[in-house]
């Protein structure tokens, strides 16, 4: 059974989805992509509007500059540098929606992290580190040996010493499971931190 997401994690995922979207998104679409009911989507959107993080118009919702700043601050606290849409990764991994989470640290146990991401809903995940080349821990084989196009796309976003956690799923809720791992304990005050995996 999947762990329940807190409203705070859902809100961060909603803002992240709005930030990565080139066009406004409607309540129904957001509910489908985040695997939540329309009532929950409505409540999250209204809360975001009230906080000045979300602009709601007839054609859908967009993140505001204040919302973008808030999301950047949350991601900095959760140690997520950037979230980059990588939907083309789905043809190599799985799913329709793929995101690359750029982080400044390494994932100590890539296999355990991948397993946790899949347990939370991702259909697949790939942990990549930027050394002299992009490598796949724990074997440290070069990514370009297996998926040259993905290696090329990811290298545009990674600097030396950074890592990327590429997660894919049928919806953005599945692809955003890394946010749940990195940010949930920060928001709930739990001491155990799965991000240390």
Protein backbone atom coordinates (compact mmCIF):
# COMPACT_ATOMS: atom_id res chain seq x y z
CA UNK A 1 0.00 0.00 0.00
CA UNK A 2 1.31 3.45 -0.93
CA UNK A 3 1.99 6.01 1.76
CA UNK A 4 -0.58 8.77 1.95
CA UNK A 5 0.61 12.17 0.85
CA UNK A 6 0.17 15.10 3.15
CA UNK A 7 -1.70 18.15 1.91
CA UNK A 8 1.62 20.04 2.05
CA UNK A 9 3.32 17.55 -0.28
CA UNK A 10 0.33 17.72 -2.64
CA UNK A 11 0.56 21.52 -2.64
CA UNK A 12 4.27 21.44 -3.49
CA UNK A 13 3.57 18.93 -6.28
CA UNK A 14 0.77 21.17 -7.59
CA UNK A 15 3.09 24.19 -7.68
CA UNK A 16 5.84 22.12 -9.34
CA UNK A 17 3.39 20.92 -12.00
CA UNK A 18 2.21 24.48 -12.67
CA UNK A 19 5.84 25.65 -12.87
CA UNK A 20 6.82 23.00 -15.44
CA UNK A 21 3.70 23.57 -17.54
CA UNK A 22 4.01 25.99 -20.48
CA UNK A 23 0.26 26.68 -20.43
CA UNK A 24 -2.38 27.15 -17.71
CA UNK A 25 -3.87 23.95 -16.31
CA UNK A 26 -7.49 23.40 -15.39
CA UNK A 27 -8.73 21.91 -12.14
CA UNK A 28 -9.81 18.64 -13.77
CA UNK A 29 -6.43 18.18 -15.48
CA UNK A 30 -4.58 18.93 -12.24
CA UNK A 31 -6.76 16.44 -10.36
CA UNK A 32 -6.04 13.72 -12.95
CA UNK A 33 -2.29 14.39 -13.11
CA UNK A 34 -1.93 14.53 -9.32
CA UNK A 35 -4.34 11.61 -8.69
CA UNK A 36 -6.54 13.61 -6.36
CA UNK A 37 -10.22 14.45 -6.36
CA UNK A 38 -11.45 17.65 -7.96
CA UNK A 39 -12.56 18.88 -4.53
CA UNK A 40 -9.01 18.51 -3.19
CA UNK A 41 -7.66 20.23 -6.32
CA UNK A 42 -10.13 23.08 -5.83
CA UNK A 43 -9.12 23.47 -2.17
CA UNK A 44 -5.40 23.49 -3.04
CA UNK A 45 -5.94 26.02 -5.83
CA UNK A 46 -7.99 28.28 -3.56
CA UNK A 47 -5.35 28.09 -0.84
CA UNK A 48 -2.67 28.93 -3.42
CA UNK A 49 -4.73 31.85 -4.72
CA UNK A 50 -5.23 33.12 -1.17
CA UNK A 51 -1.46 32.94 -0.53
CA UNK A 52 -0.72 34.69 -3.82
CA UNK A 53 1.09 31.63 -5.21
CA UNK A 54 -1.44 30.79 -7.93
CA UNK A 55 -3.27 32.93 -10.45
CA UNK A 56 -6.63 31.43 -11.42
CA UNK A 57 -8.22 32.51 -14.68
CA UNK A 58 -10.92 31.18 -16.93
CA UNK A 59 -8.49 28.99 -18.93
CA UNK A 60 -6.85 27.41 -15.91
CA UNK A 61 -4.29 28.15 -13.22
CA UNK A 62 -0.71 29.41 -13.40
CA UNK A 63 1.98 29.83 -10.81
CA UNK A 64 2.72 33.43 -9.83
CA UNK A 65 6.12 34.98 -9.22
CA UNK A 66 5.46 34.71 -5.46
CA UNK A 67 4.55 31.04 -5.94
CA UNK A 68 7.72 30.45 -7.93
CA UNK A 69 9.80 32.07 -5.18
CA UNK A 70 8.02 30.00 -2.52
CA UNK A 71 8.63 26.79 -4.51
CA UNK A 72 12.31 27.63 -5.03
CA UNK A 73 12.68 28.22 -1.28
CA UNK A 74 10.96 24.91 -0.45
CA UNK A 75 13.11 23.07 -3.00
CA UNK A 76 16.25 24.67 -1.56
CA UNK A 77 15.23 23.47 1.91
CA UNK A 78 14.52 19.98 0.51
CA UNK A 79 17.84 20.14 -1.38
CA UNK A 80 16.25 19.97 -4.83
CA UNK A 81 18.01 22.34 -7.23
CA UNK A 82 15.65 22.12 -10.19
CA UNK A 83 12.89 20.04 -11.72
CA UNK A 84 13.23 19.51 -15.46
CA UNK A 85 10.56 17.88 -17.66
CA UNK A 86 12.09 14.89 -19.48
CA UNK A 87 9.07 13.27 -21.12
CA UNK A 88 11.28 11.85 -23.88
CA UNK A 89 12.86 9.66 -21.18
CA UNK A 90 9.62 7.67 -21.12
CA UNK A 91 10.55 5.93 -24.36
CA UNK A 92 13.70 4.58 -22.67
CA UNK A 93 12.27 3.98 -19.21
CA UNK A 94 8.47 3.84 -18.94
CA UNK A 95 5.39 5.99 -18.57
CA UNK A 96 4.14 9.18 -20.20
CA UNK A 97 5.49 11.68 -17.68
CA UNK A 98 9.15 11.93 -16.69
CA UNK A 99 10.94 14.51 -14.58
CA UNK A 100 14.59 14.99 -13.69
CA UNK A 101 15.24 16.28 -10.18
CA UNK A 102 18.64 17.98 -10.07
CA UNK A 103 20.35 17.77 -6.68
CA UNK A 104 23.75 18.88 -5.41
CA UNK A 105 24.43 15.73 -3.42
CA UNK A 106 24.72 12.05 -4.18
CA UNK A 107 22.17 9.40 -3.36
CA UNK A 108 24.07 7.06 -1.00
CA UNK A 109 22.02 3.99 -1.93
CA UNK A 110 20.72 4.32 -5.50
CA UNK A 111 19.03 0.91 -5.49
CA UNK A 112 17.10 1.61 -2.27
CA UNK A 113 16.08 5.04 -3.59
CA UNK A 114 14.85 3.56 -6.86
CA UNK A 115 12.88 0.92 -4.98
CA UNK A 116 11.29 3.57 -2.73
CA UNK A 117 10.35 5.71 -5.75
CA UNK A 118 8.67 2.71 -7.39
CA UNK A 119 6.89 1.86 -4.13
CA UNK A 120 5.48 5.41 -4.11
CA UNK A 121 4.14 5.12 -7.66
CA UNK A 122 6.90 5.75 -10.19
CA UNK A 123 6.98 3.09 -12.90
CA UNK A 124 10.72 3.57 -13.15
CA UNK A 125 13.59 5.69 -11.91
CA UNK A 126 17.16 6.32 -12.89
CA UNK A 127 19.82 7.81 -10.62
CA UNK A 128 22.60 9.59 -12.51
CA UNK A 129 25.77 11.28 -11.21
CA UNK A 130 27.88 13.81 -13.07
CA UNK A 131 31.54 12.93 -12.73
CA UNK A 132 33.78 13.29 -15.79
CA UNK A 133 30.79 11.78 -17.58
CA UNK A 134 27.25 10.89 -16.57
CA UNK A 135 27.39 7.61 -14.66
CA UNK A 136 24.89 5.20 -13.12
CA UNK A 137 25.56 4.27 -9.48
CA UNK A 138 26.25 1.76 -8.00
CA UNK A 139 28.12 0.28 -11.01
CA UNK A 140 29.22 3.71 -12.34
CA UNK A 141 28.83 2.67 -15.95
CA UNK A 142 28.40 5.51 -18.41
CA UNK A 143 24.81 6.46 -19.17
CA UNK A 144 25.69 7.20 -22.81
CA UNK A 145 26.58 3.50 -23.27
CA UNK A 146 22.90 2.63 -22.73
CA UNK A 147 20.84 5.74 -23.53
CA UNK A 148 22.94 8.30 -25.45
CA UNK A 149 20.03 10.67 -26.13
CA UNK A 150 19.05 10.87 -22.47
CA UNK A 151 22.70 11.39 -21.50
CA UNK A 152 22.88 14.31 -23.93
CA UNK A 153 19.65 15.86 -22.63
CA UNK A 154 20.64 15.47 -18.97
CA UNK A 155 24.17 16.80 -19.44
CA UNK A 156 22.68 20.22 -20.32
CA UNK A 157 21.28 20.45 -16.78
CA UNK A 158 24.01 18.88 -14.63
CA UNK A 159 27.27 20.35 -13.37
CA UNK A 160 30.24 18.44 -11.97
CA UNK A 161 29.32 16.73 -8.69
CA UNK A 162 25.56 17.05 -9.15
CA UNK A 163 23.12 14.17 -9.48
CA UNK A 164 19.81 13.70 -11.23
CA UNK A 165 16.96 11.52 -10.11
CA UNK A 166 14.87 10.80 -13.20
CA UNK A 167 11.43 9.47 -12.31
CA UNK A 168 8.68 8.39 -14.69
CA UNK A 169 5.04 7.47 -14.37
CA UNK A 170 1.71 7.49 -16.12
CA UNK A 171 0.85 10.78 -14.40
CA UNK A 172 2.84 13.60 -12.83
CA UNK A 173 1.81 12.32 -9.38
CA UNK A 174 3.84 9.18 -10.09
CA UNK A 175 6.77 11.09 -11.57
CA UNK A 176 6.87 13.47 -8.59
CA UNK A 177 7.37 10.78 -5.97
CA UNK A 178 10.87 12.15 -5.30
CA UNK A 179 9.30 15.32 -3.88
CA UNK A 180 7.41 13.15 -1.42
CA UNK A 181 10.65 11.53 -0.28
CA UNK A 182 12.78 14.68 -0.10
CA UNK A 183 10.20 17.07 1.34
CA UNK A 184 7.72 15.01 3.36
CA UNK A 185 9.80 14.66 6.52
CA UNK A 186 10.72 18.34 6.44
CA UNK A 187 7.04 19.26 6.35
CA UNK A 188 5.82 16.71 8.89
CA UNK A 189 8.73 16.97 11.32
CA UNK A 190 9.46 13.23 11.18
CA UNK A 191 12.99 12.35 12.21
CA UNK A 192 13.57 9.42 9.87
CA UNK A 193 14.73 10.72 6.51
CA UNK A 194 14.36 8.47 3.44
CA UNK A 195 16.37 11.06 1.49
CA UNK A 196 19.44 9.64 3.22
CA UNK A 197 18.98 6.39 1.28
